[in-house]
Amino acid sequence: MKITTILSLFVLSAEAMQSAPQQTTHVQQQLNNPESVKPPAYTPIATPAPNQDEVLRSKGFYQTTFYKCRTRRDGDEKCGWYTPILKAEARRELSMSVVMATVSGAALIFVLGLL
């Protein structure tokens, strides 16, 4: 009696599962259709570092890279890459008055030399 009851319950539950509509979860839908899933656009958490060259230039410096070998007095050699930060040279702007004074002075010396 108990076995038949258990078997009938098993059969009834199997029939109920077959007749029940299949419900899919959101994850199952994504796995079934991977083309519809697009990752969101990446937004950086931190702001990017400023450009090193611009920062140095604004403070009157620049950075260069070069390869150099040095020989000591005892004959040992040291070679390697160097990346020093150097002071930028000041910009020299020639004003028109300086150019005119130089040309006028040269012309005056030339004229006086002819006399």
PDB file of N, CA and C in Angstrom:
ATOM      1  N   MET A   1       0.805  -1.178   0.000  1.00  0.00           N
ATOM      2  CA  MET A   1       0.000   0.000   0.000  1.00  0.00           C
ATOM      3  C   MET A   1       0.861   1.259   0.000  1.00  0.00           C
ATOM      4  N   LYS A   2       1.880   1.242   0.804  1.00  0.00           N
ATOM      5  CA  LYS A   2       2.745   2.407   0.871  1.00  0.00           C
ATOM      6  C   LYS A   2       3.519   2.589  -0.437  1.00  0.00           C
ATOM      7  N   ILE A   3       3.927   1.493  -1.032  1.00  0.00           N
ATOM      8  CA  ILE A   3       4.697   1.578  -2.271  1.00  0.00           C
ATOM      9  C   ILE A   3       3.838   2.137  -3.389  1.00  0.00           C
ATOM     10  N   THR A   4       2.616   1.719  -3.474  1.00  0.00           N
ATOM     11  CA  THR A   4       1.728   2.238  -4.530  1.00  0.00           C
ATOM     12  C   THR A   4       1.437   3.714  -4.321  1.00  0.00           C
ATOM     13  N   THR A   5       1.328   4.142  -3.105  1.00  0.00           N
ATOM     14  CA  THR A   5       1.085   5.560  -2.825  1.00  0.00           C
ATOM     15  C   THR A   5       2.298   6.389  -3.226  1.00  0.00           C
ATOM     16  N   ILE A   6       3.446   5.895  -2.906  1.00  0.00           N
ATOM     17  CA  ILE A   6       4.675   6.613  -3.262  1.00  0.00           C
ATOM     18  C   ILE A   6       4.833   6.652  -4.773  1.00  0.00           C
ATOM     19  N   LEU A   7       4.541   5.526  -5.437  1.00  0.00           N
ATOM     20  CA  LEU A   7       4.641   5.499  -6.896  1.00  0.00           C
ATOM     21  C   LEU A   7       3.627   6.429  -7.545  1.00  0.00           C
ATOM     22  N   SER A   8       2.429   6.464  -7.010  1.00  0.00           N
ATOM     23  CA  SER A   8       1.418   7.344  -7.593  1.00  0.00           C
ATOM     24  C   SER A   8       1.784   8.810  -7.383  1.00  0.00           C
ATOM     25  N   LEU A   9       2.356   9.141  -6.247  1.00  0.00           N
ATOM     26  CA  LEU A   9       2.817  10.517  -6.019  1.00  0.00           C
ATOM     27  C   LEU A   9       3.953  10.875  -6.978  1.00  0.00           C
ATOM     28  N   PHE A  10       4.828   9.938  -7.195  1.00  0.00           N
ATOM     29  CA  PHE A  10       5.940  10.167  -8.115  1.00  0.00           C
ATOM     30  C   PHE A  10       5.437  10.402  -9.531  1.00  0.00           C
ATOM     31  N   VAL A  11       4.468   9.598  -9.960  1.00  0.00           N
ATOM     32  CA  VAL A  11       3.895   9.737 -11.302  1.00  0.00           C
ATOM     33  C   VAL A  11       3.157  11.061 -11.419  1.00  0.00           C
ATOM     34  N   LEU A  12       2.416  11.427 -10.406  1.00  0.00           N
ATOM     35  CA  LEU A  12       1.678  12.694 -10.431  1.00  0.00           C
ATOM     36  C   LEU A  12       2.629  13.891 -10.481  1.00  0.00           C
ATOM     37  N   SER A  13       3.694  13.841  -9.714  1.00  0.00           N
ATOM     38  CA  SER A  13       4.646  14.958  -9.726  1.00  0.00           C
ATOM     39  C   SER A  13       5.383  15.036 -11.059  1.00  0.00           C
ATOM     40  N   ALA A  14       5.664  13.896 -11.677  1.00  0.00           N
ATOM     41  CA  ALA A  14       6.317  13.895 -12.987  1.00  0.00           C
ATOM     42  C   ALA A  14       5.393  14.478 -14.039  1.00  0.00           C
ATOM     43  N   GLU A  15       4.106  14.137 -13.980  1.00  0.00           N
ATOM     44  CA  GLU A  15       3.144  14.692 -14.931  1.00  0.00           C
ATOM     45  C   GLU A  15       2.976  16.191 -14.721  1.00  0.00           C
ATOM     46  N   ALA A  16       2.976  16.630 -13.486  1.00  0.00           N
ATOM     47  CA  ALA A  16       2.830  18.052 -13.191  1.00  0.00           C
ATOM     48  C   ALA A  16       4.031  18.836 -13.711  1.00  0.00           C
ATOM     49  N   MET A  17       5.201  18.265 -13.609  1.00  0.00           N
ATOM     50  CA  MET A  17       6.400  18.953 -14.096  1.00  0.00           C
ATOM     51  C   MET A  17       6.392  19.051 -15.615  1.00  0.00           C
ATOM     52  N   GLN A  18       5.874  18.032 -16.295  1.00  0.00           N
ATOM     53  CA  GLN A  18       5.835  18.065 -17.753  1.00  0.00           C
ATOM     54  C   GLN A  18       4.794  19.048 -18.249  1.00  0.00           C
ATOM     55  N   SER A  19       3.686  19.163 -17.553  1.00  0.00           N
ATOM     56  CA  SER A  19       2.631  20.060 -18.005  1.00  0.00           C
ATOM     57  C   SER A  19       2.893  21.504 -17.599  1.00  0.00           C
ATOM     58  N   ALA A  20       3.749  21.745 -16.617  1.00  0.00           N
ATOM     59  CA  ALA A  20       4.032  23.113 -16.175  1.00  0.00           C
ATOM     60  C   ALA A  20       4.851  23.833 -17.234  1.00  0.00           C
ATOM     61  N   PRO A  21       4.556  25.118 -17.474  1.00  0.00           N
ATOM     62  CA  PRO A  21       5.338  25.865 -18.463  1.00  0.00           C
ATOM     63  C   PRO A  21       6.774  26.057 -17.969  1.00  0.00           C
ATOM     64  N   GLN A  22       7.685  25.984 -18.904  1.00  0.00           N
ATOM     65  CA  GLN A  22       9.096  26.151 -18.571  1.00  0.00           C
ATOM     66  C   GLN A  22       9.369  27.635 -18.302  1.00  0.00           C
ATOM     67  N   GLN A  23       9.856  27.938 -17.138  1.00  0.00           N
ATOM     68  CA  GLN A  23      10.212  29.308 -16.800  1.00  0.00           C
ATOM     69  C   GLN A  23      11.734  29.420 -16.849  1.00  0.00           C
ATOM     70  N   THR A  24      12.193  30.411 -17.585  1.00  0.00           N
ATOM     71  CA  THR A  24      13.637  30.603 -17.679  1.00  0.00           C
ATOM     72  C   THR A  24      14.008  31.851 -16.903  1.00  0.00           C
ATOM     73  N   THR A  25      15.114  31.772 -16.276  1.00  0.00           N
ATOM     74  CA  THR A  25      15.603  32.926 -15.530  1.00  0.00           C
ATOM     75  C   THR A  25      16.346  33.857 -16.472  1.00  0.00           C
ATOM     76  N   HIS A  26      16.659  35.023 -15.964  1.00  0.00           N
ATOM     77  CA  HIS A  26      17.389  36.020 -16.756  1.00  0.00           C
ATOM     78  C   HIS A  26      18.749  35.474 -17.185  1.00  0.00           C
ATOM     79  N   VAL A  27      19.412  34.765 -16.307  1.00  0.00           N
ATOM     80  CA  VAL A  27      20.729  34.200 -16.619  1.00  0.00           C
ATOM     81  C   VAL A  27      20.610  33.157 -17.719  1.00  0.00           C
ATOM     82  N   GLN A  28      19.569  32.316 -17.657  1.00  0.00           N
ATOM     83  CA  GLN A  28      19.383  31.306 -18.696  1.00  0.00           C
ATOM     84  C   GLN A  28      19.097  31.961 -20.043  1.00  0.00           C
ATOM     85  N   GLN A  29      18.337  33.056 -20.039  1.00  0.00           N
ATOM     86  CA  GLN A  29      18.066  33.766 -21.292  1.00  0.00           C
ATOM     87  C   GLN A  29      19.356  34.334 -21.877  1.00  0.00           C
ATOM     88  N   GLN A  30      20.212  34.860 -21.024  1.00  0.00           N
ATOM     89  CA  GLN A  30      21.482  35.402 -21.508  1.00  0.00           C
ATOM     90  C   GLN A  30      22.376  34.309 -22.059  1.00  0.00           C
ATOM     91  N   LEU A  31      22.374  33.150 -21.415  1.00  0.00           N
ATOM     92  CA  LEU A  31      23.196  32.047 -21.901  1.00  0.00           C
ATOM     93  C   LEU A  31      22.669  31.501 -23.216  1.00  0.00           C
ATOM     94  N   ASN A  32      21.351  31.510 -23.405  1.00  0.00           N
ATOM     95  CA  ASN A  32      20.757  31.019 -24.646  1.00  0.00           C
ATOM     96  C   ASN A  32      20.975  31.984 -25.803  1.00  0.00           C
ATOM     97  N   ASN A  33      21.108  33.270 -25.533  1.00  0.00           N
ATOM     98  CA  ASN A  33      21.268  34.270 -26.586  1.00  0.00           C
ATOM     99  C   ASN A  33      22.446  35.187 -26.231  1.00  0.00           C
ATOM    100  N   PRO A  34      23.686  34.744 -26.451  1.00  0.00           N
ATOM    101  CA  PRO A  34      24.843  35.541 -26.033  1.00  0.00           C
ATOM    102  C   PRO A  34      25.047  36.806 -26.860  1.00  0.00           C
ATOM    103  N   GLU A  35      24.451  36.889 -28.050  1.00  0.00           N
ATOM    104  CA  GLU A  35      24.645  38.079 -28.882  1.00  0.00           C
ATOM    105  C   GLU A  35      23.923  39.287 -28.307  1.00  0.00           C
ATOM    106  N   SER A  36      22.848  39.054 -27.559  1.00  0.00           N
ATOM    107  CA  SER A  36      22.096  40.173 -27.002  1.00  0.00           C
ATOM    108  C   SER A  36      22.779  40.780 -25.782  1.00  0.00           C
ATOM    109  N   VAL A  37      23.752  40.082 -25.241  1.00  0.00           N
ATOM    110  CA  VAL A  37      24.428  40.561 -24.044  1.00  0.00           C
ATOM    111  C   VAL A  37      25.662  41.352 -24.459  1.00  0.00           C
ATOM    112  N   LYS A  38      25.669  42.632 -24.138  1.00  0.00           N
ATOM    113  CA  LYS A  38      26.837  43.473 -24.415  1.00  0.00           C
ATOM    114  C   LYS A  38      27.301  44.062 -23.090  1.00  0.00           C
ATOM    115  N   PRO A  39      28.585  44.049 -22.839  1.00  0.00           N
ATOM    116  CA  PRO A  39      29.061  44.613 -21.578  1.00  0.00           C
ATOM    117  C   PRO A  39      28.890  46.132 -21.585  1.00  0.00           C
ATOM    118  N   PRO A  40      28.704  46.721 -20.437  1.00  0.00           N
ATOM    119  CA  PRO A  40      28.554  48.177 -20.388  1.00  0.00           C
ATOM    120  C   PRO A  40      29.868  48.863 -20.730  1.00  0.00           C
ATOM    121  N   ALA A  41      29.764  50.106 -21.155  1.00  0.00           N
ATOM    122  CA  ALA A  41      30.962  50.876 -21.492  1.00  0.00           C
ATOM    123  C   ALA A  41      31.798  51.081 -20.235  1.00  0.00           C
ATOM    124  N   TYR A  42      33.116  51.026 -20.404  1.00  0.00           N
ATOM    125  CA  TYR A  42      34.023  51.160 -19.267  1.00  0.00           C
ATOM    126  C   TYR A  42      34.175  52.629 -18.898  1.00  0.00           C
ATOM    127  N   THR A  43      33.976  52.929 -17.654  1.00  0.00           N
ATOM    128  CA  THR A  43      34.240  54.273 -17.147  1.00  0.00           C
ATOM    129  C   THR A  43      35.349  54.154 -16.115  1.00  0.00           C
ATOM    130  N   PRO A  44      36.469  54.855 -16.343  1.00  0.00           N
ATOM    131  CA  PRO A  44      37.597  54.721 -15.429  1.00  0.00           C
ATOM    132  C   PRO A  44      37.244  55.230 -14.029  1.00  0.00           C
ATOM    133  N   ILE A  45      37.807  54.584 -13.037  1.00  0.00           N
ATOM    134  CA  ILE A  45      37.544  54.953 -11.651  1.00  0.00           C
ATOM    135  C   ILE A  45      38.346  56.198 -11.279  1.00  0.00           C
ATOM    136  N   ALA A  46      39.593  56.245 -11.698  1.00  0.00           N
ATOM    137  CA  ALA A  46      40.461  57.377 -11.377  1.00  0.00           C
ATOM    138  C   ALA A  46      40.743  58.172 -12.643  1.00  0.00           C
ATOM    139  N   THR A  47      41.029  59.447 -12.478  1.00  0.00           N
ATOM    140  CA  THR A  47      41.377  60.270 -13.631  1.00  0.00           C
ATOM    141  C   THR A  47      42.782  59.905 -14.083  1.00  0.00           C
ATOM    142  N   PRO A  48      43.069  60.008 -15.387  1.00  0.00           N
ATOM    143  CA  PRO A  48      44.410  59.666 -15.859  1.00  0.00           C
ATOM    144  C   PRO A  48      45.444  60.680 -15.371  1.00  0.00           C
ATOM    145  N   ALA A  49      46.670  60.230 -15.305  1.00  0.00           N
ATOM    146  CA  ALA A  49      47.759  61.100 -14.867  1.00  0.00           C
ATOM    147  C   ALA A  49      47.996  62.198 -15.893  1.00  0.00           C
ATOM    148  N   PRO A  50      48.421  63.383 -15.459  1.00  0.00           N
ATOM    149  CA  PRO A  50      48.691  64.453 -16.417  1.00  0.00           C
ATOM    150  C   PRO A  50      49.910  64.117 -17.268  1.00  0.00           C
ATOM    151  N   ASN A  51      49.997  64.751 -18.408  1.00  0.00           N
ATOM    152  CA  ASN A  51      51.119  64.533 -19.308  1.00  0.00           C
ATOM    153  C   ASN A  51      52.383  65.088 -18.656  1.00  0.00           C
ATOM    154  N   GLN A  52      53.382  64.240 -18.478  1.00  0.00           N
ATOM    155  CA  GLN A  52      54.619  64.620 -17.800  1.00  0.00           C
ATOM    156  C   GLN A  52      55.326  65.772 -18.516  1.00  0.00           C
ATOM    157  N   ASP A  53      55.352  65.731 -19.847  1.00  0.00           N
ATOM    158  CA  ASP A  53      56.055  66.770 -20.599  1.00  0.00           C
ATOM    159  C   ASP A  53      55.423  68.136 -20.380  1.00  0.00           C
ATOM    160  N   GLU A  54      54.098  68.197 -20.381  1.00  0.00           N
ATOM    161  CA  GLU A  54      53.415  69.479 -20.194  1.00  0.00           C
ATOM    162  C   GLU A  54      53.658  70.034 -18.793  1.00  0.00           C
ATOM    163  N   VAL A  55      53.638  69.168 -17.791  1.00  0.00           N
ATOM    164  CA  VAL A  55      53.859  69.615 -16.413  1.00  0.00           C
ATOM    165  C   VAL A  55      55.274  70.151 -16.257  1.00  0.00           C
ATOM    166  N   LEU A  56      56.259  69.426 -16.782  1.00  0.00           N
ATOM    167  CA  LEU A  56      57.651  69.887 -16.683  1.00  0.00           C
ATOM    168  C   LEU A  56      57.857  71.192 -17.441  1.00  0.00           C
ATOM    169  N   ARG A  57      57.279  71.287 -18.645  1.00  0.00           N
ATOM    170  CA  ARG A  57      57.439  72.492 -19.456  1.00  0.00           C
ATOM    171  C   ARG A  57      56.837  73.704 -18.751  1.00  0.00           C
ATOM    172  N   SER A  58      55.709  73.519 -18.077  1.00  0.00           N
ATOM    173  CA  SER A  58      55.074  74.641 -17.383  1.00  0.00           C
ATOM    174  C   SER A  58      55.928  75.123 -16.207  1.00  0.00           C
ATOM    175  N   LYS A  59      56.812  74.271 -15.690  1.00  0.00           N
ATOM    176  CA  LYS A  59      57.675  74.659 -14.572  1.00  0.00           C
ATOM    177  C   LYS A  59      59.089  75.014 -15.018  1.00  0.00           C
ATOM    178  N   GLY A  60      59.330  75.029 -16.332  1.00  0.00           N
ATOM    179  CA  GLY A  60      60.634  75.440 -16.841  1.00  0.00           C
ATOM    180  C   GLY A  60      61.661  74.328 -16.933  1.00  0.00           C
ATOM    181  N   PHE A  61      61.222  73.086 -17.067  1.00  0.00           N
ATOM    182  CA  PHE A  61      62.133  71.954 -17.178  1.00  0.00           C
ATOM    183  C   PHE A  61      61.737  71.081 -18.359  1.00  0.00           C
ATOM    184  N   TYR A  62      62.622  70.165 -18.726  1.00  0.00           N
ATOM    185  CA  TYR A  62      62.299  69.145 -19.722  1.00  0.00           C
ATOM    186  C   TYR A  62      63.080  67.884 -19.376  1.00  0.00           C
ATOM    187  N   GLN A  63      62.588  66.756 -19.871  1.00  0.00           N
ATOM    188  CA  GLN A  63      63.247  65.477 -19.602  1.00  0.00           C
ATOM    189  C   GLN A  63      63.712  64.878 -20.913  1.00  0.00           C
ATOM    190  N   THR A  64      64.921  64.367 -20.900  1.00  0.00           N
ATOM    191  CA  THR A  64      65.480  63.752 -22.101  1.00  0.00           C
ATOM    192  C   THR A  64      66.034  62.377 -21.735  1.00  0.00           C
ATOM    193  N   THR A  65      66.278  61.569 -22.742  1.00  0.00           N
ATOM    194  CA  THR A  65      66.839  60.235 -22.532  1.00  0.00           C
ATOM    195  C   THR A  65      68.025  60.056 -23.465  1.00  0.00           C
ATOM    196  N   PHE A  66      69.132  59.569 -22.930  1.00  0.00           N
ATOM    197  CA  PHE A  66      70.299  59.319 -23.777  1.00  0.00           C
ATOM    198  C   PHE A  66      71.112  58.169 -23.193  1.00  0.00           C
ATOM    199  N   TYR A  67      71.948  57.572 -24.047  1.00  0.00           N
ATOM    200  CA  TYR A  67      72.826  56.472 -23.654  1.00  0.00           C
ATOM    201  C   TYR A  67      74.235  57.030 -23.552  1.00  0.00           C
ATOM    202  N   LYS A  68      74.930  56.694 -22.488  1.00  0.00           N
ATOM    203  CA  LYS A  68      76.242  57.286 -22.262  1.00  0.00           C
ATOM    204  C   LYS A  68      77.169  56.255 -21.632  1.00  0.00           C
ATOM    205  N   CYS A  69      78.429  56.289 -22.048  1.00  0.00           N
ATOM    206  CA  CYS A  69      79.459  55.447 -21.439  1.00  0.00           C
ATOM    207  C   CYS A  69      80.525  56.348 -20.831  1.00  0.00           C
ATOM    208  N   ARG A  70      80.940  56.013 -19.639  1.00  0.00           N
ATOM    209  CA  ARG A  70      82.016  56.755 -18.982  1.00  0.00           C
ATOM    210  C   ARG A  70      83.098  55.767 -18.566  1.00  0.00           C
ATOM    211  N   THR A  71      84.344  56.163 -18.780  1.00  0.00           N
ATOM    212  CA  THR A  71      85.475  55.342 -18.361  1.00  0.00           C
ATOM    213  C   THR A  71      86.154  56.041 -17.194  1.00  0.00           C
ATOM    214  N   ARG A  72      86.324  55.322 -16.103  1.00  0.00           N
ATOM    215  CA  ARG A  72      86.981  55.897 -14.934  1.00  0.00           C
ATOM    216  C   ARG A  72      88.493  55.847 -15.105  1.00  0.00           C
ATOM    217  N   ARG A  73      89.174  56.437 -14.168  1.00  0.00           N
ATOM    218  CA  ARG A  73      90.641  56.446 -14.221  1.00  0.00           C
ATOM    219  C   ARG A  73      91.221  55.045 -14.068  1.00  0.00           C
ATOM    220  N   ASP A  74      90.532  54.195 -13.306  1.00  0.00           N
ATOM    221  CA  ASP A  74      91.049  52.841 -13.104  1.00  0.00           C
ATOM    222  C   ASP A  74      90.681  51.903 -14.253  1.00  0.00           C
ATOM    223  N   GLY A  75      90.000  52.400 -15.287  1.00  0.00           N
ATOM    224  CA  GLY A  75      89.699  51.598 -16.465  1.00  0.00           C
ATOM    225  C   GLY A  75      88.314  50.977 -16.475  1.00  0.00           C
ATOM    226  N   ASP A  76      87.595  51.102 -15.372  1.00  0.00           N
ATOM    227  CA  ASP A  76      86.230  50.565 -15.350  1.00  0.00           C
ATOM    228  C   ASP A  76      85.314  51.438 -16.199  1.00  0.00           C
ATOM    229  N   GLU A  77      84.440  50.771 -16.916  1.00  0.00           N
ATOM    230  CA  GLU A  77      83.481  51.477 -17.761  1.00  0.00           C
ATOM    231  C   GLU A  77      82.090  51.354 -17.182  1.00  0.00           C
ATOM    232  N   LYS A  78      81.347  52.420 -17.264  1.00  0.00           N
ATOM    233  CA  LYS A  78      79.951  52.382 -16.846  1.00  0.00           C
ATOM    234  C   LYS A  78      79.122  52.937 -17.991  1.00  0.00           C
ATOM    235  N   CYS A  79      78.258  52.087 -18.536  1.00  0.00           N
ATOM    236  CA  CYS A  79      77.384  52.492 -19.631  1.00  0.00           C
ATOM    237  C   CYS A  79      75.940  52.299 -19.195  1.00  0.00           C
ATOM    238  N   GLY A  80      75.077  53.150 -19.710  1.00  0.00           N
ATOM    239  CA  GLY A  80      73.667  52.984 -19.375  1.00  0.00           C
ATOM    240  C   GLY A  80      72.810  54.100 -19.923  1.00  0.00           C
ATOM    241  N   TRP A  81      71.519  53.921 -19.751  1.00  0.00           N
ATOM    242  CA  TRP A  81      70.541  54.915 -20.174  1.00  0.00           C
ATOM    243  C   TRP A  81      70.324  55.904 -19.042  1.00  0.00           C
ATOM    244  N   TYR A  82      70.270  57.165 -19.386  1.00  0.00           N
ATOM    245  CA  TYR A  82      70.049  58.228 -18.419  1.00  0.00           C
ATOM    246  C   TYR A  82      68.808  59.014 -18.836  1.00  0.00           C
ATOM    247  N   THR A  83      67.998  59.372 -17.854  1.00  0.00           N
ATOM    248  CA  THR A  83      66.806  60.189 -18.124  1.00  0.00           C
ATOM    249  C   THR A  83      66.779  61.356 -17.143  1.00  0.00           C
ATOM    250  N   PRO A  84      67.670  62.315 -17.343  1.00  0.00           N
ATOM    251  CA  PRO A  84      67.703  63.447 -16.412  1.00  0.00           C
ATOM    252  C   PRO A  84      66.590  64.456 -16.706  1.00  0.00           C
ATOM    253  N   ILE A  85      66.246  65.207 -15.679  1.00  0.00           N
ATOM    254  CA  ILE A  85      65.333  66.341 -15.836  1.00  0.00           C
ATOM    255  C   ILE A  85      66.207  67.583 -15.828  1.00  0.00           C
ATOM    256  N   LEU A  86      66.180  68.324 -16.921  1.00  0.00           N
ATOM    257  CA  LEU A  86      67.060  69.472 -17.107  1.00  0.00           C
ATOM    258  C   LEU A  86      66.262  70.764 -17.124  1.00  0.00           C
ATOM    259  N   LYS A  87      66.937  71.855 -16.768  1.00  0.00           N
ATOM    260  CA  LYS A  87      66.300  73.170 -16.807  1.00  0.00           C
ATOM    261  C   LYS A  87      66.203  73.619 -18.249  1.00  0.00           C
ATOM    262  N   ALA A  88      65.023  74.053 -18.630  1.00  0.00           N
ATOM    263  CA  ALA A  88      64.802  74.512 -20.004  1.00  0.00           C
ATOM    264  C   ALA A  88      65.478  75.861 -20.198  1.00  0.00           C
ATOM    265  N   GLU A  89      66.014  76.052 -21.385  1.00  0.00           N
ATOM    266  CA  GLU A  89      66.638  77.334 -21.693  1.00  0.00           C
ATOM    267  C   GLU A  89      65.560  78.393 -21.844  1.00  0.00           C
ATOM    268  N   ALA A  90      65.905  79.595 -21.420  1.00  0.00           N
ATOM    269  CA  ALA A  90      64.952  80.696 -21.535  1.00  0.00           C
ATOM    270  C   ALA A  90      64.776  81.065 -23.002  1.00  0.00           C
ATOM    271  N   ARG A  91      63.558  81.396 -23.354  1.00  0.00           N
ATOM    272  CA  ARG A  91      63.307  81.810 -24.735  1.00  0.00           C
ATOM    273  C   ARG A  91      63.881  83.201 -24.958  1.00  0.00           C
ATOM    274  N   ARG A  92      64.552  83.336 -26.058  1.00  0.00           N
ATOM    275  CA  ARG A  92      65.108  84.645 -26.417  1.00  0.00           C
ATOM    276  C   ARG A  92      64.290  85.214 -27.556  1.00  0.00           C
ATOM    277  N   GLU A  93      63.676  86.320 -27.280  1.00  0.00           N
ATOM    278  CA  GLU A  93      62.894  86.972 -28.317  1.00  0.00           C
ATOM    279  C   GLU A  93      63.624  88.241 -28.740  1.00  0.00           C
ATOM    280  N   LEU A  94      63.863  88.334 -30.024  1.00  0.00           N
ATOM    281  CA  LEU A  94      64.521  89.507 -30.570  1.00  0.00           C
ATOM    282  C   LEU A  94      63.467  90.553 -30.903  1.00  0.00           C
ATOM    283  N   SER A  95      63.596  91.703 -30.295  1.00  0.00           N
ATOM    284  CA  SER A  95      62.642  92.754 -30.617  1.00  0.00           C
ATOM    285  C   SER A  95      63.115  93.492 -31.870  1.00  0.00           C
ATOM    286  N   MET A  96      62.202  94.128 -32.519  1.00  0.00           N
ATOM    287  CA  MET A  96      62.513  94.844 -33.764  1.00  0.00           C
ATOM    288  C   MET A  96      63.470  96.007 -33.503  1.00  0.00           C
ATOM    289  N   SER A  97      63.374  96.624 -32.337  1.00  0.00           N
ATOM    290  CA  SER A  97      64.261  97.760 -32.045  1.00  0.00           C
ATOM    291  C   SER A  97      65.713  97.306 -31.923  1.00  0.00           C
ATOM    292  N   VAL A  98      65.953  96.112 -31.365  1.00  0.00           N
ATOM    293  CA  VAL A  98      67.322  95.597 -31.250  1.00  0.00           C
ATOM    294  C   VAL A  98      67.881  95.301 -32.633  1.00  0.00           C
ATOM    295  N   VAL A  99      67.077  94.731 -33.501  1.00  0.00           N
ATOM    296  CA  VAL A  99      67.517  94.430 -34.865  1.00  0.00           C
ATOM    297  C   VAL A  99      67.828  95.722 -35.610  1.00  0.00           C
ATOM    298  N   MET A 100      66.956  96.716 -35.505  1.00  0.00           N
ATOM    299  CA  MET A 100      67.174  97.995 -36.207  1.00  0.00           C
ATOM    300  C   MET A 100      68.419  98.707 -35.676  1.00  0.00           C
ATOM    301  N   ALA A 101      68.654  98.678 -34.373  1.00  0.00           N
ATOM    302  CA  ALA A 101      69.836  99.325 -33.804  1.00  0.00           C
ATOM    303  C   ALA A 101      71.104  98.631 -34.283  1.00  0.00           C
ATOM    304  N   THR A 102      71.101  97.306 -34.377  1.00  0.00           N
ATOM    305  CA  THR A 102      72.272  96.563 -34.844  1.00  0.00           C
ATOM    306  C   THR A 102      72.558  96.864 -36.307  1.00  0.00           C
ATOM    307  N   VAL A 103      71.535  96.864 -37.142  1.00  0.00           N
ATOM    308  CA  VAL A 103      71.715  97.147 -38.571  1.00  0.00           C
ATOM    309  C   VAL A 103      72.168  98.591 -38.769  1.00  0.00           C
ATOM    310  N   SER A 104      71.590  99.524 -38.025  1.00  0.00           N
ATOM    311  CA  SER A 104      71.985 100.934 -38.143  1.00  0.00           C
ATOM    312  C   SER A 104      73.427 101.130 -37.699  1.00  0.00           C
ATOM    313  N   GLY A 105      73.817 100.474 -36.616  1.00  0.00           N
ATOM    314  CA  GLY A 105      75.197 100.591 -36.140  1.00  0.00           C
ATOM    315  C   GLY A 105      76.178 100.009 -37.150  1.00  0.00           C
ATOM    316  N   ALA A 106      75.837  98.880 -37.758  1.00  0.00           N
ATOM    317  CA  ALA A 106      76.716  98.288 -38.769  1.00  0.00           C
ATOM    318  C   ALA A 106      76.806  99.187 -39.991  1.00  0.00           C
ATOM    319  N   ALA A 107      75.708  99.794 -40.391  1.00  0.00           N
ATOM    320  CA  ALA A 107      75.717 100.704 -41.545  1.00  0.00           C
ATOM    321  C   ALA A 107      76.546 101.942 -41.232  1.00  0.00           C
ATOM    322  N   LEU A 108      76.444 102.470 -40.020  1.00  0.00           N
ATOM    323  CA  LEU A 108      77.222 103.653 -39.629  1.00  0.00           C
ATOM    324  C   LEU A 108      78.714 103.341 -39.636  1.00  0.00           C
ATOM    325  N   ILE A 109      79.094 102.192 -39.126  1.00  0.00           N
ATOM    326  CA  ILE A 109      80.513 101.803 -39.134  1.00  0.00           C
ATOM    327  C   ILE A 109      81.006 101.641 -40.565  1.00  0.00           C
ATOM    328  N   PHE A 110      80.174 101.074 -41.437  1.00  0.00           N
ATOM    329  CA  PHE A 110      80.554 100.902 -42.835  1.00  0.00           C
ATOM    330  C   PHE A 110      80.747 102.259 -43.518  1.00  0.00           C
ATOM    331  N   VAL A 111      79.832 103.201 -43.262  1.00  0.00           N
ATOM    332  CA  VAL A 111      79.924 104.537 -43.878  1.00  0.00           C
ATOM    333  C   VAL A 111      81.144 105.270 -43.345  1.00  0.00           C
ATOM    334  N   LEU A 112      81.384 105.207 -42.049  1.00  0.00           N
ATOM    335  CA  LEU A 112      82.549 105.887 -41.484  1.00  0.00           C
ATOM    336  C   LEU A 112      83.851 105.249 -41.972  1.00  0.00           C
ATOM    337  N   GLY A 113      83.817 103.993 -42.264  1.00  0.00           N
ATOM    338  CA  GLY A 113      85.004 103.317 -42.776  1.00  0.00           C
ATOM    339  C   GLY A 113      85.327 103.751 -44.198  1.00  0.00           C
ATOM    340  N   LEU A 114      84.323 104.176 -44.967  1.00  0.00           N
ATOM    341  CA  LEU A 114      84.544 104.635 -46.336  1.00  0.00           C
ATOM    342  C   LEU A 114      85.123 106.045 -46.373  1.00  0.00           C
ATOM    343  N   LEU A 115      84.928 106.841 -45.359  1.00  0.00           N
ATOM    344  CA  LEU A 115      85.411 108.225 -45.355  1.00  0.00           C
ATOM    345  C   LEU A 115      86.855 108.320 -45.119  1.00  0.00           C
TER     346      LEU A 115
END
